[in-house]
Amino acid sequence: MVRDTLESGQLLVDLPSAAQGEVLETLMARDGIRIERIVSHGQATPEGEWYDQETDEWVVLLSGAAKLLLEGEAAPRNLGPGDFVFLPSHRRHRVVWTSSDKPTVWLAVHMDGGS
């Protein structure tokens, strides 16, 4: 689901159900930048698959919990509320786990013109 640019709102209320799959909502998009809210509920990247994005991404976990594996690292990073990660373009990564007992809410900022 993609929304038009919102001028104000609340990131942690009226969450969409992610029971059937992760939900990505674009909150704002401007030249070279896109901000989105991602709601997960027990989802993970399928085994053997990796995200390999064209843009830089800065992501912060707002609620819930997740494990994020960056290619080349020995173990996944445990993420909780307030933890953030910068992923330069083409830094392969995968979500190993998200909590299934409550929604995991991410705020992601995608930026063009990265490394």
PDB file of N, CA and C in Angstrom:
ATOM      1  N   MET A   1       0.847  -1.164   0.000  1.00  0.00           N
ATOM      2  CA  MET A   1       0.000   0.000   0.000  1.00  0.00           C
ATOM      3  C   MET A   1       0.898   1.234   0.000  1.00  0.00           C
ATOM      4  N   VAL A   2       0.611   2.197  -0.828  1.00  0.00           N
ATOM      5  CA  VAL A   2       1.366   3.439  -0.875  1.00  0.00           C
ATOM      6  C   VAL A   2       0.398   4.582  -0.632  1.00  0.00           C
ATOM      7  N   ARG A   3       0.739   5.440   0.315  1.00  0.00           N
ATOM      8  CA  ARG A   3      -0.076   6.624   0.609  1.00  0.00           C
ATOM      9  C   ARG A   3       0.540   7.829  -0.059  1.00  0.00           C
ATOM     10  N   ASP A   4      -0.268   8.861  -0.232  1.00  0.00           N
ATOM     11  CA  ASP A   4       0.284  10.141  -0.651  1.00  0.00           C
ATOM     12  C   ASP A   4       1.115  10.684   0.497  1.00  0.00           C
ATOM     13  N   THR A   5       1.924  11.677   0.216  1.00  0.00           N
ATOM     14  CA  THR A   5       2.733  12.300   1.253  1.00  0.00           C
ATOM     15  C   THR A   5       1.849  12.798   2.388  1.00  0.00           C
ATOM     16  N   LEU A   6       2.222  12.454   3.603  1.00  0.00           N
ATOM     17  CA  LEU A   6       1.484  12.884   4.783  1.00  0.00           C
ATOM     18  C   LEU A   6       2.225  14.031   5.444  1.00  0.00           C
ATOM     19  N   GLU A   7       1.507  15.013   5.912  1.00  0.00           N
ATOM     20  CA  GLU A   7       2.142  16.135   6.589  1.00  0.00           C
ATOM     21  C   GLU A   7       2.308  15.884   8.073  1.00  0.00           C
ATOM     22  N   SER A   8       1.467  15.033   8.641  1.00  0.00           N
ATOM     23  CA  SER A   8       1.604  14.698  10.052  1.00  0.00           C
ATOM     24  C   SER A   8       0.927  13.356  10.287  1.00  0.00           C
ATOM     25  N   GLY A   9       1.218  12.773  11.425  1.00  0.00           N
ATOM     26  CA  GLY A   9       0.629  11.486  11.747  1.00  0.00           C
ATOM     27  C   GLY A   9       1.272  10.897  12.980  1.00  0.00           C
ATOM     28  N   GLN A  10       0.989   9.634  13.223  1.00  0.00           N
ATOM     29  CA  GLN A  10       1.539   8.913  14.367  1.00  0.00           C
ATOM     30  C   GLN A  10       2.009   7.559  13.846  1.00  0.00           C
ATOM     31  N   LEU A  11       3.277   7.251  14.026  1.00  0.00           N
ATOM     32  CA  LEU A  11       3.862   6.042  13.443  1.00  0.00           C
ATOM     33  C   LEU A  11       3.467   4.749  14.147  1.00  0.00           C
ATOM     34  N   LEU A  12       2.978   4.844  15.395  1.00  0.00           N
ATOM     35  CA  LEU A  12       2.765   3.632  16.181  1.00  0.00           C
ATOM     36  C   LEU A  12       1.302   3.351  16.516  1.00  0.00           C
ATOM     37  N   VAL A  13       0.376   4.079  15.890  1.00  0.00           N
ATOM     38  CA  VAL A  13      -1.049   3.811  16.112  1.00  0.00           C
ATOM     39  C   VAL A  13      -1.708   3.460  14.780  1.00  0.00           C
ATOM     40  N   ASP A  14      -2.866   2.839  14.878  1.00  0.00           N
ATOM     41  CA  ASP A  14      -3.602   2.423  13.677  1.00  0.00           C
ATOM     42  C   ASP A  14      -2.716   1.642  12.712  1.00  0.00           C
ATOM     43  N   LEU A  15      -1.960   0.688  13.271  1.00  0.00           N
ATOM     44  CA  LEU A  15      -1.064  -0.100  12.436  1.00  0.00           C
ATOM     45  C   LEU A  15      -1.854  -1.038  11.533  1.00  0.00           C
ATOM     46  N   PRO A  16      -1.438  -1.156  10.285  1.00  0.00           N
ATOM     47  CA  PRO A  16      -2.092  -2.126   9.406  1.00  0.00           C
ATOM     48  C   PRO A  16      -1.727  -3.535   9.847  1.00  0.00           C
ATOM     49  N   SER A  17      -2.596  -4.482   9.577  1.00  0.00           N
ATOM     50  CA  SER A  17      -2.310  -5.873   9.914  1.00  0.00           C
ATOM     51  C   SER A  17      -1.228  -6.411   8.982  1.00  0.00           C
ATOM     52  N   ALA A  18      -0.203  -7.000   9.573  1.00  0.00           N
ATOM     53  CA  ALA A  18       0.858  -7.621   8.790  1.00  0.00           C
ATOM     54  C   ALA A  18       0.785  -9.137   8.916  1.00  0.00           C
ATOM     55  N   ALA A  19      -0.373  -9.648   9.329  1.00  0.00           N
ATOM     56  CA  ALA A  19      -0.529 -11.085   9.531  1.00  0.00           C
ATOM     57  C   ALA A  19      -0.318 -11.864   8.237  1.00  0.00           C
ATOM     58  N   GLN A  20      -0.724 -11.313   7.109  1.00  0.00           N
ATOM     59  CA  GLN A  20      -0.590 -12.009   5.831  1.00  0.00           C
ATOM     60  C   GLN A  20       0.689 -11.642   5.087  1.00  0.00           C
ATOM     61  N   GLY A  21       1.420 -10.660   5.575  1.00  0.00           N
ATOM     62  CA  GLY A  21       2.656 -10.237   4.923  1.00  0.00           C
ATOM     63  C   GLY A  21       3.048  -8.855   5.379  1.00  0.00           C
ATOM     64  N   GLU A  22       4.326  -8.592   5.272  1.00  0.00           N
ATOM     65  CA  GLU A  22       4.868  -7.301   5.663  1.00  0.00           C
ATOM     66  C   GLU A  22       4.159  -6.181   4.891  1.00  0.00           C
ATOM     67  N   VAL A  23       3.933  -5.034   5.563  1.00  0.00           N
ATOM     68  CA  VAL A  23       3.249  -3.897   4.946  1.00  0.00           C
ATOM     69  C   VAL A  23       4.213  -2.719   4.868  1.00  0.00           C
ATOM     70  N   LEU A  24       4.422  -2.207   3.665  1.00  0.00           N
ATOM     71  CA  LEU A  24       5.267  -1.042   3.440  1.00  0.00           C
ATOM     72  C   LEU A  24       4.391   0.124   3.039  1.00  0.00           C
ATOM     73  N   GLU A  25       4.556   1.252   3.728  1.00  0.00           N
ATOM     74  CA  GLU A  25       3.795   2.458   3.425  1.00  0.00           C
ATOM     75  C   GLU A  25       4.759   3.610   3.189  1.00  0.00           C
ATOM     76  N   THR A  26       4.709   4.202   2.003  1.00  0.00           N
ATOM     77  CA  THR A  26       5.524   5.383   1.734  1.00  0.00           C
ATOM     78  C   THR A  26       4.867   6.565   2.421  1.00  0.00           C
ATOM     79  N   LEU A  27       5.610   7.208   3.323  1.00  0.00           N
ATOM     80  CA  LEU A  27       5.095   8.360   4.061  1.00  0.00           C
ATOM     81  C   LEU A  27       5.423   9.669   3.355  1.00  0.00           C
ATOM     82  N   MET A  28       6.592   9.688   2.699  1.00  0.00           N
ATOM     83  CA  MET A  28       7.002  10.889   1.987  1.00  0.00           C
ATOM     84  C   MET A  28       8.027  10.498   0.935  1.00  0.00           C
ATOM     85  N   ALA A  29       7.931  11.125  -0.214  1.00  0.00           N
ATOM     86  CA  ALA A  29       8.913  10.923  -1.276  1.00  0.00           C
ATOM     87  C   ALA A  29       9.218  12.264  -1.921  1.00  0.00           C
ATOM     88  N   ARG A  30      10.481  12.542  -2.063  1.00  0.00           N
ATOM     89  CA  ARG A  30      10.962  13.762  -2.711  1.00  0.00           C
ATOM     90  C   ARG A  30      12.147  13.355  -3.580  1.00  0.00           C
ATOM     91  N   ASP A  31      12.677  14.284  -4.346  1.00  0.00           N
ATOM     92  CA  ASP A  31      13.819  13.984  -5.202  1.00  0.00           C
ATOM     93  C   ASP A  31      14.923  13.300  -4.399  1.00  0.00           C
ATOM     94  N   GLY A  32      15.203  12.063  -4.749  1.00  0.00           N
ATOM     95  CA  GLY A  32      16.328  11.361  -4.156  1.00  0.00           C
ATOM     96  C   GLY A  32      16.113  10.777  -2.779  1.00  0.00           C
ATOM     97  N   ILE A  33      14.908  10.900  -2.208  1.00  0.00           N
ATOM     98  CA  ILE A  33      14.680  10.379  -0.855  1.00  0.00           C
ATOM     99  C   ILE A  33      13.261   9.819  -0.741  1.00  0.00           C
ATOM    100  N   ARG A  34      13.141   8.703  -0.039  1.00  0.00           N
ATOM    101  CA  ARG A  34      11.825   8.094   0.229  1.00  0.00           C
ATOM    102  C   ARG A  34      11.825   7.624   1.678  1.00  0.00           C
ATOM    103  N   ILE A  35      10.783   7.974   2.411  1.00  0.00           N
ATOM    104  CA  ILE A  35      10.647   7.568   3.807  1.00  0.00           C
ATOM    105  C   ILE A  35       9.452   6.632   3.887  1.00  0.00           C
ATOM    106  N   GLU A  36       9.654   5.478   4.504  1.00  0.00           N
ATOM    107  CA  GLU A  36       8.554   4.531   4.608  1.00  0.00           C
ATOM    108  C   GLU A  36       8.466   3.908   5.987  1.00  0.00           C
ATOM    109  N   ARG A  37       7.238   3.546   6.335  1.00  0.00           N
ATOM    110  CA  ARG A  37       6.992   2.759   7.542  1.00  0.00           C
ATOM    111  C   ARG A  37       6.803   1.329   7.079  1.00  0.00           C
ATOM    112  N   ILE A  38       7.473   0.418   7.771  1.00  0.00           N
ATOM    113  CA  ILE A  38       7.356  -1.009   7.476  1.00  0.00           C
ATOM    114  C   ILE A  38       6.814  -1.682   8.730  1.00  0.00           C
ATOM    115  N   VAL A  39       5.757  -2.465   8.569  1.00  0.00           N
ATOM    116  CA  VAL A  39       5.186  -3.209   9.688  1.00  0.00           C
ATOM    117  C   VAL A  39       5.361  -4.697   9.388  1.00  0.00           C
ATOM    118  N   SER A  40       6.049  -5.383  10.294  1.00  0.00           N
ATOM    119  CA  SER A  40       6.279  -6.823  10.196  1.00  0.00           C
ATOM    120  C   SER A  40       5.597  -7.496  11.369  1.00  0.00           C
ATOM    121  N   HIS A  41       5.240  -8.762  11.178  1.00  0.00           N
ATOM    122  CA  HIS A  41       4.623  -9.519  12.273  1.00  0.00           C
ATOM    123  C   HIS A  41       4.991 -10.995  12.065  1.00  0.00           C
ATOM    124  N   GLY A  42       6.232 -11.318  12.424  1.00  0.00           N
ATOM    125  CA  GLY A  42       6.701 -12.693  12.276  1.00  0.00           C
ATOM    126  C   GLY A  42       7.341 -12.990  10.928  1.00  0.00           C
ATOM    127  N   GLN A  43       7.463 -12.007  10.046  1.00  0.00           N
ATOM    128  CA  GLN A  43       8.061 -12.256   8.740  1.00  0.00           C
ATOM    129  C   GLN A  43       9.583 -12.289   8.816  1.00  0.00           C
ATOM    130  N   ALA A  44      10.167 -12.951   7.837  1.00  0.00           N
ATOM    131  CA  ALA A  44      11.611 -13.003   7.652  1.00  0.00           C
ATOM    132  C   ALA A  44      11.878 -13.113   6.152  1.00  0.00           C
ATOM    133  N   THR A  45      13.073 -12.740   5.741  1.00  0.00           N
ATOM    134  CA  THR A  45      13.467 -12.918   4.353  1.00  0.00           C
ATOM    135  C   THR A  45      13.586 -14.420   4.092  1.00  0.00           C
ATOM    136  N   PRO A  46      13.021 -14.917   2.992  1.00  0.00           N
ATOM    137  CA  PRO A  46      13.133 -16.355   2.711  1.00  0.00           C
ATOM    138  C   PRO A  46      14.589 -16.835   2.727  1.00  0.00           C
ATOM    139  N   GLU A  47      14.783 -18.027   3.233  1.00  0.00           N
ATOM    140  CA  GLU A  47      16.126 -18.618   3.346  1.00  0.00           C
ATOM    141  C   GLU A  47      16.839 -18.556   1.995  1.00  0.00           C
ATOM    142  N   GLY A  48      18.088 -18.116   2.027  1.00  0.00           N
ATOM    143  CA  GLY A  48      18.899 -18.047   0.817  1.00  0.00           C
ATOM    144  C   GLY A  48      18.703 -16.784  -0.004  1.00  0.00           C
ATOM    145  N   GLU A  49      17.715 -15.951   0.343  1.00  0.00           N
ATOM    146  CA  GLU A  49      17.490 -14.698  -0.384  1.00  0.00           C
ATOM    147  C   GLU A  49      18.106 -13.529   0.383  1.00  0.00           C
ATOM    148  N   TRP A  50      18.522 -12.501  -0.357  1.00  0.00           N
ATOM    149  CA  TRP A  50      19.138 -11.307   0.214  1.00  0.00           C
ATOM    150  C   TRP A  50      18.532 -10.073  -0.430  1.00  0.00           C
ATOM    151  N   TYR A  51      18.424  -9.004   0.350  1.00  0.00           N
ATOM    152  CA  TYR A  51      18.104  -7.695  -0.222  1.00  0.00           C
ATOM    153  C   TYR A  51      19.409  -7.116  -0.757  1.00  0.00           C
ATOM    154  N   ASP A  52      19.363  -6.563  -1.955  1.00  0.00           N
ATOM    155  CA  ASP A  52      20.520  -5.919  -2.587  1.00  0.00           C
ATOM    156  C   ASP A  52      19.967  -4.690  -3.301  1.00  0.00           C
ATOM    157  N   GLN A  53      19.941  -3.569  -2.594  1.00  0.00           N
ATOM    158  CA  GLN A  53      19.221  -2.379  -3.042  1.00  0.00           C
ATOM    159  C   GLN A  53      20.113  -1.409  -3.795  1.00  0.00           C
ATOM    160  N   GLU A  54      19.495  -0.680  -4.710  1.00  0.00           N
ATOM    161  CA  GLU A  54      20.188   0.333  -5.505  1.00  0.00           C
ATOM    162  C   GLU A  54      20.460   1.608  -4.713  1.00  0.00           C
ATOM    163  N   THR A  55      19.701   1.832  -3.640  1.00  0.00           N
ATOM    164  CA  THR A  55      19.829   3.063  -2.859  1.00  0.00           C
ATOM    165  C   THR A  55      20.405   2.767  -1.482  1.00  0.00           C
ATOM    166  N   ASP A  56      20.987   3.796  -0.864  1.00  0.00           N
ATOM    167  CA  ASP A  56      21.369   3.701   0.544  1.00  0.00           C
ATOM    168  C   ASP A  56      20.091   3.639   1.370  1.00  0.00           C
ATOM    169  N   GLU A  57      20.170   2.980   2.529  1.00  0.00           N
ATOM    170  CA  GLU A  57      19.015   2.906   3.424  1.00  0.00           C
ATOM    171  C   GLU A  57      19.483   3.088   4.860  1.00  0.00           C
ATOM    172  N   TRP A  58      18.797   3.971   5.566  1.00  0.00           N
ATOM    173  CA  TRP A  58      18.985   4.124   7.015  1.00  0.00           C
ATOM    174  C   TRP A  58      17.680   3.671   7.628  1.00  0.00           C
ATOM    175  N   VAL A  59      17.758   2.706   8.546  1.00  0.00           N
ATOM    176  CA  VAL A  59      16.539   2.135   9.123  1.00  0.00           C
ATOM    177  C   VAL A  59      16.657   2.127  10.639  1.00  0.00           C
ATOM    178  N   VAL A  60      15.547   2.460  11.306  1.00  0.00           N
ATOM    179  CA  VAL A  60      15.485   2.429  12.770  1.00  0.00           C
ATOM    180  C   VAL A  60      14.284   1.579  13.171  1.00  0.00           C
ATOM    181  N   LEU A  61      14.477   0.762  14.182  1.00  0.00           N
ATOM    182  CA  LEU A  61      13.376  -0.043  14.711  1.00  0.00           C
ATOM    183  C   LEU A  61      12.650   0.791  15.759  1.00  0.00           C
ATOM    184  N   LEU A  62      11.349   0.984  15.578  1.00  0.00           N
ATOM    185  CA  LEU A  62      10.560   1.810  16.493  1.00  0.00           C
ATOM    186  C   LEU A  62       9.893   0.989  17.582  1.00  0.00           C
ATOM    187  N   SER A  63       9.450  -0.228  17.248  1.00  0.00           N
ATOM    188  CA  SER A  63       8.820  -1.107  18.239  1.00  0.00           C
ATOM    189  C   SER A  63       8.986  -2.549  17.782  1.00  0.00           C
ATOM    190  N   GLY A  64       8.818  -3.464  18.731  1.00  0.00           N
ATOM    191  CA  GLY A  64       8.980  -4.870  18.419  1.00  0.00           C
ATOM    192  C   GLY A  64      10.440  -5.280  18.505  1.00  0.00           C
ATOM    193  N   ALA A  65      10.789  -6.333  17.776  1.00  0.00           N
ATOM    194  CA  ALA A  65      12.153  -6.846  17.787  1.00  0.00           C
ATOM    195  C   ALA A  65      12.432  -7.538  16.462  1.00  0.00           C
ATOM    196  N   ALA A  66      13.713  -7.570  16.082  1.00  0.00           N
ATOM    197  CA  ALA A  66      14.107  -8.197  14.818  1.00  0.00           C
ATOM    198  C   ALA A  66      15.554  -8.659  14.911  1.00  0.00           C
ATOM    199  N   LYS A  67      15.908  -9.546  14.006  1.00  0.00           N
ATOM    200  CA  LYS A  67      17.306  -9.954  13.812  1.00  0.00           C
ATOM    201  C   LYS A  67      17.630  -9.680  12.354  1.00  0.00           C
ATOM    202  N   LEU A  68      18.717  -8.938  12.131  1.00  0.00           N
ATOM    203  CA  LEU A  68      19.134  -8.520  10.807  1.00  0.00           C
ATOM    204  C   LEU A  68      20.543  -9.039  10.554  1.00  0.00           C
ATOM    205  N   LEU A  69      20.725  -9.767   9.457  1.00  0.00           N
ATOM    206  CA  LEU A  69      22.035 -10.300   9.098  1.00  0.00           C
ATOM    207  C   LEU A  69      22.580  -9.543   7.904  1.00  0.00           C
ATOM    208  N   LEU A  70      23.792  -9.005   8.043  1.00  0.00           N
ATOM    209  CA  LEU A  70      24.485  -8.356   6.940  1.00  0.00           C
ATOM    210  C   LEU A  70      25.484  -9.352   6.377  1.00  0.00           C
ATOM    211  N   GLU A  71      25.540  -9.436   5.065  1.00  0.00           N
ATOM    212  CA  GLU A  71      26.443 -10.386   4.431  1.00  0.00           C
ATOM    213  C   GLU A  71      27.867 -10.155   4.931  1.00  0.00           C
ATOM    214  N   GLY A  72      28.540 -11.242   5.261  1.00  0.00           N
ATOM    215  CA  GLY A  72      29.913 -11.159   5.750  1.00  0.00           C
ATOM    216  C   GLY A  72      30.020 -11.118   7.260  1.00  0.00           C
ATOM    217  N   GLU A  73      28.913 -10.876   7.955  1.00  0.00           N
ATOM    218  CA  GLU A  73      28.933 -10.887   9.417  1.00  0.00           C
ATOM    219  C   GLU A  73      28.622 -12.294   9.907  1.00  0.00           C
ATOM    220  N   ALA A  74      29.250 -12.695  11.009  1.00  0.00           N
ATOM    221  CA  ALA A  74      29.127 -14.055  11.521  1.00  0.00           C
ATOM    222  C   ALA A  74      27.755 -14.349  12.122  1.00  0.00           C
ATOM    223  N   ALA A  75      27.125 -13.338  12.691  1.00  0.00           N
ATOM    224  CA  ALA A  75      25.849 -13.559  13.389  1.00  0.00           C
ATOM    225  C   ALA A  75      24.911 -12.395  13.122  1.00  0.00           C
ATOM    226  N   PRO A  76      23.596 -12.656  13.217  1.00  0.00           N
ATOM    227  CA  PRO A  76      22.630 -11.569  13.039  1.00  0.00           C
ATOM    228  C   PRO A  76      22.721 -10.536  14.161  1.00  0.00           C
ATOM    229  N   ARG A  77      22.366  -9.314  13.847  1.00  0.00           N
ATOM    230  CA  ARG A  77      22.271  -8.241  14.840  1.00  0.00           C
ATOM    231  C   ARG A  77      20.885  -8.299  15.471  1.00  0.00           C
ATOM    232  N   ASN A  78      20.824  -8.276  16.777  1.00  0.00           N
ATOM    233  CA  ASN A  78      19.555  -8.201  17.499  1.00  0.00           C
ATOM    234  C   ASN A  78      19.154  -6.740  17.578  1.00  0.00           C
ATOM    235  N   LEU A  79      17.968  -6.431  17.088  1.00  0.00           N
ATOM    236  CA  LEU A  79      17.491  -5.050  17.081  1.00  0.00           C
ATOM    237  C   LEU A  79      16.264  -4.909  17.966  1.00  0.00           C
ATOM    238  N   GLY A  80      16.251  -3.848  18.747  1.00  0.00           N
ATOM    239  CA  GLY A  80      15.115  -3.488  19.574  1.00  0.00           C
ATOM    240  C   GLY A  80      14.789  -2.025  19.346  1.00  0.00           C
ATOM    241  N   PRO A  81      13.758  -1.519  20.003  1.00  0.00           N
ATOM    242  CA  PRO A  81      13.365  -0.124  19.814  1.00  0.00           C
ATOM    243  C   PRO A  81      14.540   0.840  20.002  1.00  0.00           C
ATOM    244  N   GLY A  82      14.710   1.705  19.005  1.00  0.00           N
ATOM    245  CA  GLY A  82      15.773   2.701  19.035  1.00  0.00           C
ATOM    246  C   GLY A  82      17.036   2.289  18.298  1.00  0.00           C
ATOM    247  N   ASP A  83      17.196   1.008  17.998  1.00  0.00           N
ATOM    248  CA  ASP A  83      18.392   0.561  17.262  1.00  0.00           C
ATOM    249  C   ASP A  83      18.254   0.943  15.790  1.00  0.00           C
ATOM    250  N   PHE A  84      19.358   1.423  15.206  1.00  0.00           N
ATOM    251  CA  PHE A  84      19.344   1.789  13.796  1.00  0.00           C
ATOM    252  C   PHE A  84      20.565   1.221  13.092  1.00  0.00           C
ATOM    253  N   VAL A  85      20.447   1.122  11.770  1.00  0.00           N
ATOM    254  CA  VAL A  85      21.508   0.581  10.926  1.00  0.00           C
ATOM    255  C   VAL A  85      21.537   1.384   9.633  1.00  0.00           C
ATOM    256  N   PHE A  86      22.742   1.709   9.173  1.00  0.00           N
ATOM    257  CA  PHE A  86      22.916   2.317   7.856  1.00  0.00           C
ATOM    258  C   PHE A  86      23.376   1.220   6.904  1.00  0.00           C
ATOM    259  N   LEU A  87      22.661   1.073   5.789  1.00  0.00           N
ATOM    260  CA  LEU A  87      22.966   0.053   4.787  1.00  0.00           C
ATOM    261  C   LEU A  87      23.309   0.761   3.471  1.00  0.00           C
ATOM    262  N   PRO A  88      24.607   0.867   3.160  1.00  0.00           N
ATOM    263  CA  PRO A  88      24.969   1.487   1.881  1.00  0.00           C
ATOM    264  C   PRO A  88      24.376   0.686   0.723  1.00  0.00           C
ATOM    265  N   SER A  89      24.188   1.333  -0.413  1.00  0.00           N
ATOM    266  CA  SER A  89      23.653   0.623  -1.580  1.00  0.00           C
ATOM    267  C   SER A  89      24.479  -0.637  -1.833  1.00  0.00           C
ATOM    268  N   HIS A  90      23.788  -1.689  -2.189  1.00  0.00           N
ATOM    269  CA  HIS A  90      24.355  -2.999  -2.510  1.00  0.00           C
ATOM    270  C   HIS A  90      24.987  -3.717  -1.318  1.00  0.00           C
ATOM    271  N   ARG A  91      24.738  -3.247  -0.101  1.00  0.00           N
ATOM    272  CA  ARG A  91      25.149  -4.022   1.093  1.00  0.00           C
ATOM    273  C   ARG A  91      24.069  -5.068   1.310  1.00  0.00           C
ATOM    274  N   ARG A  92      24.396  -6.294   0.932  1.00  0.00           N
ATOM    275  CA  ARG A  92      23.401  -7.365   1.024  1.00  0.00           C
ATOM    276  C   ARG A  92      23.060  -7.648   2.482  1.00  0.00           C
ATOM    277  N   HIS A  93      21.754  -7.835   2.717  1.00  0.00           N
ATOM    278  CA  HIS A  93      21.264  -8.066   4.069  1.00  0.00           C
ATOM    279  C   HIS A  93      19.965  -8.837   4.007  1.00  0.00           C
ATOM    280  N   ARG A  94      19.623  -9.436   5.117  1.00  0.00           N
ATOM    281  CA  ARG A  94      18.363 -10.182   5.196  1.00  0.00           C
ATOM    282  C   ARG A  94      17.801 -10.087   6.602  1.00  0.00           C
ATOM    283  N   VAL A  95      16.481 -10.086   6.696  1.00  0.00           N
ATOM    284  CA  VAL A  95      15.802 -10.120   7.986  1.00  0.00           C
ATOM    285  C   VAL A  95      15.658 -11.592   8.360  1.00  0.00           C
ATOM    286  N   VAL A  96      16.304 -11.976   9.441  1.00  0.00           N
ATOM    287  CA  VAL A  96      16.308 -13.374   9.878  1.00  0.00           C
ATOM    288  C   VAL A  96      15.042 -13.701  10.669  1.00  0.00           C
ATOM    289  N   TRP A  97      14.537 -12.694  11.413  1.00  0.00           N
ATOM    290  CA  TRP A  97      13.415 -12.938  12.319  1.00  0.00           C
ATOM    291  C   TRP A  97      12.798 -11.616  12.722  1.00  0.00           C
ATOM    292  N   THR A  98      11.468 -11.600  12.868  1.00  0.00           N
ATOM    293  CA  THR A  98      10.766 -10.498  13.530  1.00  0.00           C
ATOM    294  C   THR A  98       9.792 -11.101  14.528  1.00  0.00           C
ATOM    295  N   SER A  99       9.514 -10.366  15.600  1.00  0.00           N
ATOM    296  CA  SER A  99       8.652 -10.900  16.651  1.00  0.00           C
ATOM    297  C   SER A  99       7.273 -11.237  16.096  1.00  0.00           C
ATOM    298  N   SER A 100       6.737 -12.343  16.581  1.00  0.00           N
ATOM    299  CA  SER A 100       5.411 -12.773  16.119  1.00  0.00           C
ATOM    300  C   SER A 100       4.334 -12.495  17.166  1.00  0.00           C
ATOM    301  N   ASP A 101       4.748 -12.062  18.371  1.00  0.00           N
ATOM    302  CA  ASP A 101       3.755 -11.795  19.416  1.00  0.00           C
ATOM    303  C   ASP A 101       3.251 -10.353  19.404  1.00  0.00           C
ATOM    304  N   LYS A 102       3.941  -9.475  18.669  1.00  0.00           N
ATOM    305  CA  LYS A 102       3.495  -8.090  18.523  1.00  0.00           C
ATOM    306  C   LYS A 102       4.126  -7.531  17.250  1.00  0.00           C
ATOM    307  N   PRO A 103       3.543  -6.480  16.681  1.00  0.00           N
ATOM    308  CA  PRO A 103       4.103  -5.919  15.451  1.00  0.00           C
ATOM    309  C   PRO A 103       5.502  -5.339  15.673  1.00  0.00           C
ATOM    310  N   THR A 104       6.309  -5.489  14.651  1.00  0.00           N
ATOM    311  CA  THR A 104       7.611  -4.824  14.592  1.00  0.00           C
ATOM    312  C   THR A 104       7.458  -3.675  13.603  1.00  0.00           C
ATOM    313  N   VAL A 105       7.767  -2.462  14.059  1.00  0.00           N
ATOM    314  CA  VAL A 105       7.597  -1.275  13.216  1.00  0.00           C
ATOM    315  C   VAL A 105       8.968  -0.667  12.948  1.00  0.00           C
ATOM    316  N   TRP A 106       9.253  -0.476  11.666  1.00  0.00           N
ATOM    317  CA  TRP A 106      10.509   0.100  11.194  1.00  0.00           C
ATOM    318  C   TRP A 106      10.220   1.446  10.535  1.00  0.00           C
ATOM    319  N   LEU A 107      11.187   2.351  10.591  1.00  0.00           N
ATOM    320  CA  LEU A 107      11.149   3.567   9.786  1.00  0.00           C
ATOM    321  C   LEU A 107      12.388   3.503   8.900  1.00  0.00           C
ATOM    322  N   ALA A 108      12.170   3.507   7.602  1.00  0.00           N
ATOM    323  CA  ALA A 108      13.284   3.388   6.647  1.00  0.00           C
ATOM    324  C   ALA A 108      13.375   4.646   5.804  1.00  0.00           C
ATOM    325  N   VAL A 109      14.604   5.117   5.637  1.00  0.00           N
ATOM    326  CA  VAL A 109      14.877   6.274   4.790  1.00  0.00           C
ATOM    327  C   VAL A 109      15.783   5.797   3.664  1.00  0.00           C
ATOM    328  N   HIS A 110      15.279   5.852   2.434  1.00  0.00           N
ATOM    329  CA  HIS A 110      16.036   5.443   1.247  1.00  0.00           C
ATOM    330  C   HIS A 110      16.553   6.701   0.560  1.00  0.00           C
ATOM    331  N   MET A 111      17.850   6.667   0.203  1.00  0.00           N
ATOM    332  CA  MET A 111      18.495   7.844  -0.380  1.00  0.00           C
ATOM    333  C   MET A 111      19.237   7.479  -1.646  1.00  0.00           C
ATOM    334  N   ASP A 112      19.045   8.259  -2.712  1.00  0.00           N
ATOM    335  CA  ASP A 112      19.796   8.076  -3.945  1.00  0.00           C
ATOM    336  C   ASP A 112      21.191   8.659  -3.789  1.00  0.00           C
ATOM    337  N   GLY A 113      22.038   8.327  -4.745  1.00  0.00           N
ATOM    338  CA  GLY A 113      23.355   8.953  -4.806  1.00  0.00           C
ATOM    339  C   GLY A 113      24.301   8.485  -3.734  1.00  0.00           C
ATOM    340  N   GLY A 114      24.163   7.233  -3.335  1.00  0.00           N
ATOM    341  CA  GLY A 114      24.998   6.699  -2.265  1.00  0.00           C
ATOM    342  C   GLY A 114      26.371   6.303  -2.732  1.00  0.00           C
ATOM    343  N   SER A 115      26.904   5.368  -1.997  1.00  0.00           N
ATOM    344  CA  SER A 115      28.279   4.929  -2.217  1.00  0.00           C
ATOM    345  C   SER A 115      28.460   4.180  -3.495  1.00  0.00           C
TER     346      SER A 115
END
